[in-house]
Structures are given as structure tokens and as C-alpha cells.
Amino acid sequence: MRMSELKRKEVINVCDCRRLGFVGDIDFDPCKGKITALIVPGPGCIGGFLGREKEFIIPFEDVCQIGDDIILVELKEKPKDPGKH
């Protein structure tokens, strides 16, 4: 599979059925010859004029399935600290 094919696939989190966006880049380990993570840019702020929110870096072991149109991942949210608001 080519990088250009990955970029056309939408990434969906199976834990909460949230659409995370489309693959923007990959993290590749040249020594092992393996993809280590998918990088999905965060949603834009105010139409993209003020930059983007933090990107999603999804370890490749969290990829459940790669289909024709979508990539299913299991991205568990870290619990928020109850002391912070």
C-alpha cells in the first residue's frame, strides 16, 4: 500500500466511534522497515485560520483494521485529572 492510498482513508476510533480525520503522515522506522505510527492532523480552529488543534499520533499496534475507505483504530482517551478544570 502506498502513502497516497493511506492519505485517502478516514481514521475512526472504535472506542467512541469518533471520526479523527484523514491520515496526514506516518512515522516510519527505517531500521526495522516498519510503520510505527499514523499521524492524523487535529481539526482546524475557526476554519483553519488560527492553526490546528493537537495532532493524533496513533501507534500502529492500535490499528484494528484497514479497509477500502477507512482505518479503524482503538485510541483510548486518558482519564482527565479530576483536580483540573
Protein backbone atom coordinates (compact mmCIF):
# COMPACT_ATOMS: atom_id res chain seq x y z
CA MET A 1 0.00 0.00 0.00
CA ARG A 2 1.31 3.44 -0.91
CA MET A 3 1.30 6.53 1.30
CA SER A 4 -1.02 8.26 -1.18
CA GLU A 5 -3.56 5.46 -0.64
CA LEU A 6 -3.35 5.84 3.16
CA LYS A 7 -3.97 9.59 2.91
CA ARG A 8 -7.35 8.97 1.24
CA LYS A 9 -8.60 6.88 4.17
CA GLU A 10 -10.55 8.33 7.07
CA VAL A 11 -9.49 7.25 10.58
CA ILE A 12 -12.26 6.26 13.01
CA ASN A 13 -11.83 5.43 16.69
CA VAL A 14 -13.77 2.24 17.53
CA CYS A 15 -13.87 3.12 21.25
CA ASP A 16 -16.22 6.09 20.78
CA CYS A 17 -16.99 5.97 17.01
CA ARG A 18 -15.39 9.41 16.61
CA ARG A 19 -14.08 10.49 13.23
CA LEU A 20 -10.49 11.63 13.81
CA GLY A 21 -9.75 12.80 10.27
CA PHE A 22 -7.58 11.60 7.42
CA VAL A 23 -4.02 10.29 7.61
CA GLY A 24 -1.64 13.20 7.16
CA ASP A 25 1.68 11.42 7.64
CA ILE A 26 3.30 8.28 9.00
CA ASP A 27 6.15 7.58 11.39
CA PHE A 28 8.47 5.02 9.83
CA ASP A 29 11.36 3.09 11.39
CA PRO A 30 13.89 2.59 8.58
CA CYS A 31 15.99 0.15 10.64
CA LYS A 32 13.06 -2.26 11.08
CA GLY A 33 11.35 -1.34 7.81
CA LYS A 34 8.02 -0.83 9.60
CA ILE A 35 5.41 1.86 10.10
CA THR A 36 5.40 2.74 13.79
CA ALA A 37 2.53 5.28 13.88
CA LEU A 38 -0.12 7.06 11.85
CA ILE A 39 -0.29 10.83 12.24
CA VAL A 40 -3.69 12.49 11.82
CA PRO A 41 -3.82 16.31 11.94
CA GLY A 42 -6.25 17.69 14.52
CA PRO A 43 -9.31 19.65 13.46
CA GLY A 44 -8.77 23.25 12.36
CA CYS A 45 -9.61 26.17 14.63
CA ILE A 46 -12.06 28.74 13.22
CA GLY A 47 -11.91 27.49 9.66
CA GLY A 48 -8.20 26.72 9.90
CA PHE A 49 -7.17 30.40 10.17
CA LEU A 50 -5.70 30.09 13.66
CA GLY A 51 -3.86 26.83 13.14
CA ARG A 52 -4.84 23.36 14.19
CA GLU A 53 -5.50 21.55 17.42
CA LYS A 54 -3.02 18.93 18.54
CA GLU A 55 -2.49 16.08 16.10
CA PHE A 56 -3.32 12.45 16.84
CA ILE A 57 -0.28 10.15 16.86
CA ILE A 58 -1.68 6.63 16.70
CA PRO A 59 0.74 3.75 17.38
CA PHE A 60 0.47 1.24 14.56
CA GLU A 61 -0.32 -1.55 17.05
CA ASP A 62 -3.57 0.35 17.83
CA VAL A 63 -4.76 -0.03 14.21
CA CYS A 64 -7.55 -2.62 14.22
CA GLN A 65 -8.29 -2.82 10.52
CA ILE A 66 -7.50 -1.06 7.26
CA GLY A 67 -10.42 -1.13 4.84
CA ASP A 68 -11.05 0.27 1.38
CA ASP A 69 -12.21 3.68 2.68
CA ILE A 70 -11.50 3.79 6.42
CA ILE A 71 -8.96 2.82 9.04
CA LEU A 72 -10.34 1.59 12.36
CA VAL A 73 -8.19 2.32 15.40
CA GLU A 74 -8.55 1.72 19.12
CA LEU A 75 -7.48 5.01 20.68
CA LYS A 76 -8.35 5.11 24.36
CA GLU A 77 -8.60 8.55 25.93
CA LYS A 78 -6.51 9.10 29.01
CA PRO A 79 -8.68 9.87 32.04
CA LYS A 80 -8.66 13.57 32.91
CA ASP A 81 -7.24 14.67 36.24
CA PRO A 82 -10.26 15.44 38.48
CA GLY A 83 -8.32 18.27 40.12
CA LYS A 84 -8.01 20.20 36.84
CA HIS A 85 -10.90 22.00 35.18
